[in-house]
C-alpha atoms as a PDB file:
ATOM      1  CA  MET A   1     -71.311 -48.554  29.970  1.00  0.00           C
ATOM      2  CA  ASP A   2     -69.880 -49.556  26.689  1.00  0.00           C
ATOM      3  CA  ILE A   3     -66.537 -48.166  25.270  1.00  0.00           C
ATOM      4  CA  GLN A   4     -68.315 -46.290  22.345  1.00  0.00           C
ATOM      5  CA  SER A   5     -70.571 -44.436  24.796  1.00  0.00           C
ATOM      6  CA  LEU A   6     -67.594 -43.382  27.067  1.00  0.00           C
ATOM      7  CA  LYS A   7     -65.560 -42.372  24.011  1.00  0.00           C
ATOM      8  CA  SER A   8     -68.332 -40.141  22.648  1.00  0.00           C
ATOM      9  CA  LEU A   9     -69.005 -38.489  25.955  1.00  0.00           C
ATOM     10  CA  LEU A  10     -65.298 -37.787  26.384  1.00  0.00           C
ATOM     11  CA  GLU A  11     -65.210 -36.281  22.882  1.00  0.00           C
ATOM     12  CA  ILE A  12     -68.125 -34.025  23.680  1.00  0.00           C
ATOM     13  CA  GLN A  13     -66.609 -32.978  26.991  1.00  0.00           C
ATOM     14  CA  ALA A  14     -63.368 -32.036  25.100  1.00  0.00           C
ATOM     15  CA  LEU A  15     -65.300 -29.397  23.184  1.00  0.00           C
ATOM     16  CA  GLN A  16     -65.150 -27.260  26.377  1.00  0.00           C
ATOM     17  CA  THR A  17     -61.524 -26.562  25.570  1.00  0.00           C
ATOM     18  CA  LEU A  18     -61.941 -25.800  21.848  1.00  0.00           C
ATOM     19  CA  GLY A  19     -59.606 -23.009  20.778  1.00  0.00           C
ATOM     20  CA  SER A  20     -57.362 -23.228  23.889  1.00  0.00           C
ATOM     21  CA  SER A  21     -54.395 -24.096  21.698  1.00  0.00           C
ATOM     22  CA  GLU A  22     -55.037 -21.049  19.675  1.00  0.00           C
ATOM     23  CA  GLY A  23     -54.979 -18.635  22.705  1.00  0.00           C
ATOM     24  CA  SER A  24     -55.887 -18.469  26.284  1.00  0.00           C
ATOM     25  CA  SER A  25     -57.853 -15.144  26.435  1.00  0.00           C
ATOM     26  CA  THR A  26     -60.809 -14.826  28.784  1.00  0.00           C
ATOM     27  CA  ASN A  27     -63.051 -14.417  25.727  1.00  0.00           C
ATOM     28  CA  ASN A  28     -62.116 -17.803  24.393  1.00  0.00           C
ATOM     29  CA  LEU A  29     -62.749 -19.499  27.664  1.00  0.00           C
ATOM     30  CA  THR A  30     -66.035 -17.844  28.131  1.00  0.00           C
ATOM     31  CA  ASP A  31     -67.191 -18.803  24.598  1.00  0.00           C
ATOM     32  CA  ASN A  32     -66.112 -22.403  25.103  1.00  0.00           C
ATOM     33  CA  ASP A  33     -67.890 -22.672  28.462  1.00  0.00           C
ATOM     34  CA  SER A  34     -70.970 -21.322  26.817  1.00  0.00           C
ATOM     35  CA  ILE A  35     -70.756 -23.871  23.988  1.00  0.00           C
ATOM     36  CA  PHE A  36     -70.457 -26.628  26.524  1.00  0.00           C
ATOM     37  CA  SER A  37     -73.233 -25.383  28.702  1.00  0.00           C
ATOM     38  CA  ASP A  38     -75.510 -25.091  25.669  1.00  0.00           C
ATOM     39  CA  MET A  39     -74.640 -28.682  24.652  1.00  0.00           C
ATOM     40  CA  ILE A  40     -75.352 -29.994  28.185  1.00  0.00           C
ATOM     41  CA  ASN A  41     -78.699 -28.239  28.266  1.00  0.00           C
ATOM     42  CA  GLU A  42     -79.601 -29.723  24.757  1.00  0.00           C
ATOM     43  CA  LEU A  43     -78.614 -33.169  25.930  1.00  0.00           C
ATOM     44  CA  LEU A  44     -80.584 -32.935  29.131  1.00  0.00           C
ATOM     45  CA  GLY A  45     -83.586 -31.696  27.305  1.00  0.00           C
ATOM     46  CA  GLU A  46     -83.732 -35.144  25.669  1.00  0.00           C
ATOM     47  CA  THR A  47     -83.742 -37.111  28.865  1.00  0.00           C
ATOM     48  CA  SER A  48     -86.075 -37.735  31.829  1.00  0.00           C
ATOM     49  CA  THR A  49     -86.055 -35.062  34.587  1.00  0.00           C
ATOM     50  CA  ALA A  50     -85.280 -37.647  37.122  1.00  0.00           C
ATOM     51  CA  SER A  51     -81.738 -38.096  35.662  1.00  0.00           C
ATOM     52  CA  ASN A  52     -81.009 -34.481  34.822  1.00  0.00           C
ATOM     53  CA  ALA A  53     -79.646 -33.155  38.085  1.00  0.00           C
ATOM     54  CA  LYS A  54     -77.230 -36.069  38.571  1.00  0.00           C
ATOM     55  CA  LEU A  55     -75.932 -36.005  35.015  1.00  0.00           C
ATOM     56  CA  ALA A  56     -75.700 -32.185  34.877  1.00  0.00           C
ATOM     57  CA  SER A  57     -73.567 -32.245  37.968  1.00  0.00           C
ATOM     58  CA  LEU A  58     -71.374 -34.930  36.482  1.00  0.00           C
ATOM     59  CA  LEU A  59     -70.700 -33.222  33.175  1.00  0.00           C
ATOM     60  CA  ALA A  60     -70.479 -29.605  34.359  1.00  0.00           C
ATOM     61  CA  SER A  61     -68.207 -30.192  37.332  1.00  0.00           C
ATOM     62  CA  ASN A  62     -65.433 -32.039  35.444  1.00  0.00           C
ATOM     63  CA  THR A  63     -63.494 -29.442  33.436  1.00  0.00           C
ATOM     64  CA  SER A  64     -59.863 -30.437  34.054  1.00  0.00           C
ATOM     65  CA  ASN A  65     -59.607 -33.895  35.486  1.00  0.00           C
ATOM     66  CA  ASN A  66     -60.343 -36.432  32.761  1.00  0.00           C
ATOM     67  CA  SER A  67     -59.237 -39.390  34.856  1.00  0.00           C
ATOM     68  CA  ASN A  68     -61.832 -38.471  37.564  1.00  0.00           C
ATOM     69  CA  PHE A  69     -64.407 -37.775  34.784  1.00  0.00           C
ATOM     70  CA  VAL A  70     -63.905 -41.346  33.327  1.00  0.00           C
ATOM     71  CA  ASN A  71     -64.185 -42.946  36.748  1.00  0.00           C
ATOM     72  CA  GLN A  72     -67.476 -41.160  37.498  1.00  0.00           C
ATOM     73  CA  LEU A  73     -68.847 -42.001  34.057  1.00  0.00           C
ATOM     74  CA  ALA A  74     -67.940 -45.718  34.572  1.00  0.00           C
ATOM     75  CA  THR A  75     -70.034 -45.841  37.661  1.00  0.00           C
ATOM     76  CA  SER A  76     -73.033 -43.775  36.260  1.00  0.00           C
ATOM     77  CA  GLU A  77     -76.289 -45.236  35.278  1.00  0.00           C
ATOM     78  CA  GLN A  78     -75.770 -46.958  31.916  1.00  0.00           C
ATOM     79  CA  GLY A  79     -79.323 -46.490  30.653  1.00  0.00           C
ATOM     80  CA  THR A  80     -79.208 -42.750  31.244  1.00  0.00           C
ATOM     81  CA  LEU A  81     -75.915 -42.225  29.451  1.00  0.00           C
ATOM     82  CA  GLU A  82     -76.742 -44.409  26.557  1.00  0.00           C
ATOM     83  CA  SER A  83     -80.131 -42.679  26.150  1.00  0.00           C
ATOM     84  CA  LEU A  84     -78.270 -39.374  25.786  1.00  0.00           C
ATOM     85  CA  LEU A  85     -76.030 -40.754  23.107  1.00  0.00           C
ATOM     86  CA  TYR A  86     -78.156 -43.125  21.147  1.00  0.00           C
ATOM     87  CA  LYS A  87     -81.748 -41.920  21.706  1.00  0.00           C
ATOM     88  CA  GLY A  88     -83.115 -45.435  21.033  1.00  0.00           C
ATOM     89  CA  SER A  89     -81.148 -46.147  17.883  1.00  0.00           C
ATOM     90  CA  ASN A  90     -77.749 -47.242  16.846  1.00  0.00           C
ATOM     91  CA  ALA A  91     -76.849 -43.743  15.632  1.00  0.00           C
ATOM     92  CA  VAL A  92     -74.911 -41.502  18.019  1.00  0.00           C
ATOM     93  CA  PHE A  93     -76.806 -38.336  18.842  1.00  0.00           C
ATOM     94  CA  ILE A  94     -74.811 -35.169  17.954  1.00  0.00           C
ATOM     95  CA  PRO A  95     -76.256 -32.041  19.639  1.00  0.00           C
ATOM     96  CA  GLU A  96     -76.710 -29.024  17.403  1.00  0.00           C
ATOM     97  CA  SER A  97     -74.434 -26.950  19.635  1.00  0.00           C
ATOM     98  CA  VAL A  98     -71.636 -29.481  18.976  1.00  0.00           C
ATOM     99  CA  LYS A  99     -72.194 -29.375  15.264  1.00  0.00           C
ATOM    100  CA  GLN A 100     -72.089 -25.558  15.373  1.00  0.00           C
ATOM    101  CA  ALA A 101     -68.905 -25.574  17.356  1.00  0.00           C
ATOM    102  CA  LEU A 102     -67.215 -27.836  14.877  1.00  0.00           C
ATOM    103  CA  ALA A 103     -68.511 -25.760  11.969  1.00  0.00           C
ATOM    104  CA  ASN A 104     -67.109 -22.595  13.500  1.00  0.00           C
ATOM    105  CA  THR A 105     -63.691 -24.319  14.034  1.00  0.00           C
ATOM    106  CA  TYR A 106     -63.503 -25.225  10.355  1.00  0.00           C
ATOM    107  CA  ALA A 107     -64.791 -21.819   9.303  1.00  0.00           C
ATOM    108  CA  ASN A 108     -61.983 -20.119  11.209  1.00  0.00           C
ATOM    109  CA  THR A 109     -59.207 -22.262   9.826  1.00  0.00           C
ATOM    110  CA  LYS A 110     -57.108 -20.827   7.010  1.00  0.00           C
ATOM    111  CA  LEU A 111     -57.826 -22.718   3.854  1.00  0.00           C
ATOM    112  CA  ASP A 112     -54.142 -22.989   2.870  1.00  0.00           C
ATOM    113  CA  SER A 113     -53.299 -24.702   6.234  1.00  0.00           C
ATOM    114  CA  TYR A 114     -54.846 -27.915   4.910  1.00  0.00           C
ATOM    115  CA  VAL A 115     -55.574 -26.944   1.182  1.00  0.00           C
ATOM    116  CA  SER A 116     -59.175 -26.916   0.247  1.00  0.00           C
ATOM    117  CA  ASP A 117     -59.101 -29.691  -2.307  1.00  0.00           C
ATOM    118  CA  ASP A 118     -62.821 -29.358  -3.242  1.00  0.00           C
ATOM    119  CA  VAL A 119     -63.005 -25.678  -3.706  1.00  0.00           C
ATOM    120  CA  ILE A 120     -62.269 -24.517  -7.268  1.00  0.00           C
ATOM    121  CA  GLY A 121     -61.174 -20.916  -7.437  1.00  0.00           C
ATOM    122  CA  SER A 122     -60.779 -20.565  -3.707  1.00  0.00           C
ATOM    123  CA  THR A 123     -59.348 -17.359  -2.347  1.00  0.00           C
ATOM    124  CA  ALA A 124     -56.712 -19.599  -0.788  1.00  0.00           C
ATOM    125  CA  TYR A 125     -55.084 -19.704  -4.159  1.00  0.00           C
ATOM    126  CA  ALA A 126     -55.201 -15.974  -4.801  1.00  0.00           C
ATOM    127  CA  ASN A 127     -51.812 -14.702  -5.979  1.00  0.00           C
ATOM    128  CA  SER A 128     -50.418 -18.200  -5.576  1.00  0.00           C
ATOM    129  CA  LEU A 129     -48.733 -18.044  -9.032  1.00  0.00           C
ATOM    130  CA  ALA A 130     -46.777 -14.856  -8.310  1.00  0.00           C
ATOM    131  CA  GLY A 131     -43.577 -16.933  -8.184  1.00  0.00           C
ATOM    132  CA  ALA A 132     -44.002 -17.661 -11.848  1.00  0.00           C
ATOM    133  CA  ASN A 133     -43.061 -14.015 -12.715  1.00  0.00           C
ATOM    134  CA  GLU A 134     -39.387 -14.888 -12.503  1.00  0.00           C
ATOM    135  CA  TYR A 135     -39.851 -17.408 -15.326  1.00  0.00           C
ATOM    136  CA  THR A 136     -42.402 -15.660 -17.422  1.00  0.00           C
ATOM    137  CA  ALA A 137     -40.372 -15.516 -20.603  1.00  0.00           C
ATOM    138  CA  ILE A 138     -39.603 -19.264 -20.402  1.00  0.00           C
ATOM    139  CA  ILE A 139     -43.160 -20.232 -19.509  1.00  0.00           C
ATOM    140  CA  GLU A 140     -44.508 -18.157 -22.477  1.00  0.00           C
ATOM    141  CA  LYS A 141     -41.990 -19.799 -24.789  1.00  0.00           C
ATOM    142  CA  ALA A 142     -43.034 -23.227 -23.664  1.00  0.00           C
ATOM    143  CA  ALA A 143     -46.676 -22.332 -23.880  1.00  0.00           C
ATOM    144  CA  ALA A 144     -46.244 -21.190 -27.496  1.00  0.00           C
ATOM    145  CA  THR A 145     -44.083 -24.067 -28.514  1.00  0.00           C
ATOM    146  CA  TYR A 146     -46.428 -26.824 -27.203  1.00  0.00           C
ATOM    147  CA  GLN A 147     -49.779 -25.040 -27.338  1.00  0.00           C
ATOM    148  CA  ILE A 148     -50.451 -25.202 -23.612  1.00  0.00           C
ATOM    149  CA  PRO A 149     -51.978 -22.359 -21.544  1.00  0.00           C
ATOM    150  CA  ALA A 150     -49.073 -20.553 -19.849  1.00  0.00           C
ATOM    151  CA  LYS A 151     -51.065 -20.513 -16.611  1.00  0.00           C
ATOM    152  CA  LEU A 152     -51.400 -24.320 -16.637  1.00  0.00           C
ATOM    153  CA  ILE A 153     -47.616 -24.678 -16.917  1.00  0.00           C
ATOM    154  CA  ALA A 154     -47.191 -22.187 -14.079  1.00  0.00           C
ATOM    155  CA  ALA A 155     -49.833 -24.181 -12.011  1.00  0.00           C
ATOM    156  CA  VAL A 156     -47.813 -27.401 -12.429  1.00  0.00           C
ATOM    157  CA  ILE A 157     -44.600 -25.658 -11.451  1.00  0.00           C
ATOM    158  CA  LYS A 158     -46.250 -24.222  -8.362  1.00  0.00           C
ATOM    159  CA  GLN A 159     -47.574 -27.625  -7.280  1.00  0.00           C
ATOM    160  CA  GLU A 160     -44.367 -29.508  -8.226  1.00  0.00           C
ATOM    161  CA  SER A 161     -41.718 -27.259  -6.764  1.00  0.00           C
ATOM    162  CA  ASN A 162     -43.211 -23.945  -5.550  1.00  0.00           C
ATOM    163  CA  PHE A 163     -40.918 -22.325  -8.069  1.00  0.00           C
ATOM    164  CA  ASN A 164     -37.770 -23.684  -6.526  1.00  0.00           C
ATOM    165  CA  PRO A 165     -35.370 -24.611  -9.391  1.00  0.00           C
ATOM    166  CA  THR A 166     -33.005 -26.677  -7.234  1.00  0.00           C
ATOM    167  CA  VAL A 167     -35.498 -28.822  -5.317  1.00  0.00           C
ATOM    168  CA  VAL A 168     -35.126 -32.623  -5.335  1.00  0.00           C
ATOM    169  CA  SER A 169     -37.935 -34.896  -4.097  1.00  0.00           C
ATOM    170  CA  HIS A 170     -37.444 -37.936  -1.957  1.00  0.00           C
ATOM    171  CA  ALA A 171     -38.109 -39.949  -5.081  1.00  0.00           C
ATOM    172  CA  GLY A 172     -35.375 -38.126  -6.983  1.00  0.00           C
ATOM    173  CA  ALA A 173     -37.477 -35.770  -9.144  1.00  0.00           C
ATOM    174  CA  GLN A 174     -35.616 -32.637  -9.969  1.00  0.00           C
ATOM    175  CA  GLY A 175     -36.087 -28.970 -10.597  1.00  0.00           C
ATOM    176  CA  LEU A 176     -39.028 -26.752 -11.294  1.00  0.00           C
ATOM    177  CA  MET A 177     -41.251 -29.309 -12.972  1.00  0.00           C
ATOM    178  CA  GLN A 178     -39.923 -32.202 -10.950  1.00  0.00           C
ATOM    179  CA  LEU A 179     -38.541 -34.347 -13.753  1.00  0.00           C
ATOM    180  CA  MET A 180     -37.485 -37.869 -12.971  1.00  0.00           C
ATOM    181  CA  PRO A 181     -33.941 -38.527 -14.243  1.00  0.00           C
ATOM    182  CA  THR A 182     -35.091 -41.197 -16.774  1.00  0.00           C
ATOM    183  CA  THR A 183     -37.865 -38.834 -18.060  1.00  0.00           C
ATOM    184  CA  ALA A 184     -35.395 -35.998 -18.250  1.00  0.00           C
ATOM    185  CA  GLN A 185     -33.071 -38.062 -20.274  1.00  0.00           C
ATOM    186  CA  TYR A 186     -35.814 -39.225 -22.558  1.00  0.00           C
ATOM    187  CA  LEU A 187     -36.700 -35.619 -23.189  1.00  0.00           C
ATOM    188  CA  GLY A 188     -33.165 -34.581 -23.982  1.00  0.00           C
ATOM    189  CA  VAL A 189     -32.413 -32.702 -20.806  1.00  0.00           C
ATOM    190  CA  THR A 190     -28.761 -32.372 -19.890  1.00  0.00           C
ATOM    191  CA  ASN A 191     -29.220 -30.290 -16.710  1.00  0.00           C
ATOM    192  CA  ALA A 192     -32.592 -30.630 -14.909  1.00  0.00           C
ATOM    193  CA  PHE A 193     -31.725 -27.678 -12.608  1.00  0.00           C
ATOM    194  CA  ASP A 194     -31.589 -25.280 -15.538  1.00  0.00           C
ATOM    195  CA  PRO A 195     -34.888 -23.514 -15.516  1.00  0.00           C
ATOM    196  CA  GLU A 196     -35.278 -23.286 -19.314  1.00  0.00           C
ATOM    197  CA  GLN A 197     -34.412 -26.895 -19.953  1.00  0.00           C
ATOM    198  CA  ASN A 198     -36.585 -28.118 -17.186  1.00  0.00           C
ATOM    199  CA  ILE A 199     -39.773 -26.004 -18.115  1.00  0.00           C
ATOM    200  CA  MET A 200     -39.421 -26.782 -21.835  1.00  0.00           C
ATOM    201  CA  ALA A 201     -39.009 -30.504 -21.141  1.00  0.00           C
ATOM    202  CA  GLY A 202     -41.789 -30.511 -18.575  1.00  0.00           C
ATOM    203  CA  ALA A 203     -44.187 -28.700 -20.940  1.00  0.00           C
ATOM    204  CA  LYS A 204     -43.265 -31.083 -23.796  1.00  0.00           C
ATOM    205  CA  TYR A 205     -44.139 -34.087 -21.534  1.00  0.00           C
ATOM    206  CA  LEU A 206     -47.390 -32.402 -20.474  1.00  0.00           C
ATOM    207  CA  ARG A 207     -48.242 -31.831 -24.159  1.00  0.00           C
ATOM    208  CA  GLN A 208     -47.608 -35.555 -24.796  1.00  0.00           C
ATOM    209  CA  MET A 209     -50.078 -36.412 -21.983  1.00  0.00           C
ATOM    210  CA  LEU A 210     -52.706 -34.016 -23.328  1.00  0.00           C
ATOM    211  CA  ASP A 211     -52.421 -35.624 -26.736  1.00  0.00           C
ATOM    212  CA  LYS A 212     -52.692 -39.055 -25.260  1.00  0.00           C
ATOM    213  CA  PHE A 213     -55.820 -38.255 -23.229  1.00  0.00           C
ATOM    214  CA  ASN A 214     -57.779 -36.189 -25.748  1.00  0.00           C
ATOM    215  CA  ASN A 215     -56.753 -32.807 -24.346  1.00  0.00           C
ATOM    216  CA  ASP A 216     -58.387 -33.460 -20.960  1.00  0.00           C
ATOM    217  CA  PRO A 217     -56.288 -31.465 -18.521  1.00  0.00           C
ATOM    218  CA  THR A 218     -57.362 -33.507 -15.493  1.00  0.00           C
ATOM    219  CA  LEU A 219     -56.297 -36.776 -17.035  1.00  0.00           C
ATOM    220  CA  ALA A 220     -53.025 -35.265 -18.468  1.00  0.00           C
ATOM    221  CA  LEU A 221     -52.272 -34.001 -14.968  1.00  0.00           C
ATOM    222  CA  ALA A 222     -53.015 -37.370 -13.412  1.00  0.00           C
ATOM    223  CA  ALA A 223     -50.633 -38.999 -15.999  1.00  0.00           C
ATOM    224  CA  TYR A 224     -48.015 -36.374 -15.221  1.00  0.00           C
ATOM    225  CA  ASN A 225     -48.166 -37.256 -11.539  1.00  0.00           C
ATOM    226  CA  ALA A 226     -48.873 -41.037 -11.531  1.00  0.00           C
ATOM    227  CA  GLY A 227     -47.970 -42.157 -15.053  1.00  0.00           C
ATOM    228  CA  ALA A 228     -49.977 -42.609 -18.222  1.00  0.00           C
ATOM    229  CA  SER A 229     -50.184 -46.335 -17.765  1.00  0.00           C
ATOM    230  CA  ARG A 230     -52.112 -45.913 -14.476  1.00  0.00           C
ATOM    231  CA  VAL A 231     -54.545 -43.475 -16.003  1.00  0.00           C
ATOM    232  CA  THR A 232     -55.209 -45.942 -18.815  1.00  0.00           C
ATOM    233  CA  LYS A 233     -55.520 -48.874 -16.428  1.00  0.00           C
ATOM    234  CA  TYR A 234     -58.150 -47.175 -14.196  1.00  0.00           C
ATOM    235  CA  GLY A 235     -59.907 -45.457 -17.160  1.00  0.00           C
ATOM    236  CA  GLY A 236     -59.483 -42.029 -15.451  1.00  0.00           C
ATOM    237  CA  ILE A 237     -57.761 -40.401 -12.510  1.00  0.00           C
ATOM    238  CA  PRO A 238     -56.291 -43.256 -10.479  1.00  0.00           C
ATOM    239  CA  PRO A 239     -57.797 -43.923  -7.027  1.00  0.00           C
ATOM    240  CA  PHE A 240     -54.737 -42.635  -5.218  1.00  0.00           C
ATOM    241  CA  LYS A 241     -55.202 -39.853  -2.722  1.00  0.00           C
ATOM    242  CA  GLU A 242     -51.967 -38.155  -3.693  1.00  0.00           C
ATOM    243  CA  THR A 243     -52.829 -38.093  -7.410  1.00  0.00           C
ATOM    244  CA  GLN A 244     -56.396 -36.969  -6.796  1.00  0.00           C
ATOM    245  CA  ASN A 245     -55.282 -34.122  -4.596  1.00  0.00           C
ATOM    246  CA  TYR A 246     -52.519 -33.211  -7.034  1.00  0.00           C
ATOM    247  CA  VAL A 247     -55.046 -32.786  -9.902  1.00  0.00           C
ATOM    248  CA  LYS A 248     -57.508 -30.846  -7.721  1.00  0.00           C
ATOM    249  CA  LYS A 249     -54.749 -28.416  -6.493  1.00  0.00           C
ATOM    250  CA  VAL A 250     -53.170 -27.801  -9.941  1.00  0.00           C
ATOM    251  CA  MET A 251     -56.654 -27.161 -11.279  1.00  0.00           C
ATOM    252  CA  ASN A 252     -57.340 -24.751  -8.504  1.00  0.00           C
ATOM    253  CA  TYR A 253     -54.189 -22.783  -9.262  1.00  0.00           C
ATOM    254  CA  PHE A 254     -55.120 -22.869 -12.960  1.00  0.00           C
ATOM    255  CA  THR A 255     -58.670 -21.738 -12.634  1.00  0.00           C
ATOM    256  CA  VAL A 256     -58.414 -19.227  -9.772  1.00  0.00           C
END
């Protein structure tokens, strides 16, 4: 059989052990066995009865020895296995039980473990700006000085440094709003690790980006992260995954 078919069957077989890394309770194992059994039954329902018994035995009996499973698959009837996967087309058949298992896995994953970039106002961001309380007076001063919502400034600080005034990035950005040394110097900062200097300078720079991009916060944030010249070059948020995620996350913090 071809490599794609073998790979797909192995991936399906691996669903039997979904959740094992999260715990080894009897309930988990029982649920996973049930998922796998339902998947096998659904697959077999799409094939001829003449092949069902052989294939059911092959799939159901191999729960721990992947090497043995591969060897048996390699010697199985190619037509039968491919009919399970492809059903007469070039598209791989995904059983509904498999789709549901994957959906349940994603649904049970904490959003902040991978950050739900596409969800505005997600509960994953609830209370995420609590760290700004320590800098409330400075943030409000910067907001009033540069006419920027205080929450937007707090959201930038959250994403840039998680409210750590002494953090330094691998690129050399410093402090709460992660000012690059040259930018800090341009903005008149003498100590980037001083919270007031850092926040006031970062807010000033953000105001400049808002002015440059017609008060569009998404473009201003993209410029803050990737540089104004790149936003101008691409006519919008640059096609960089880091910048696109940055804008989404800051806007999530801001709009929650």
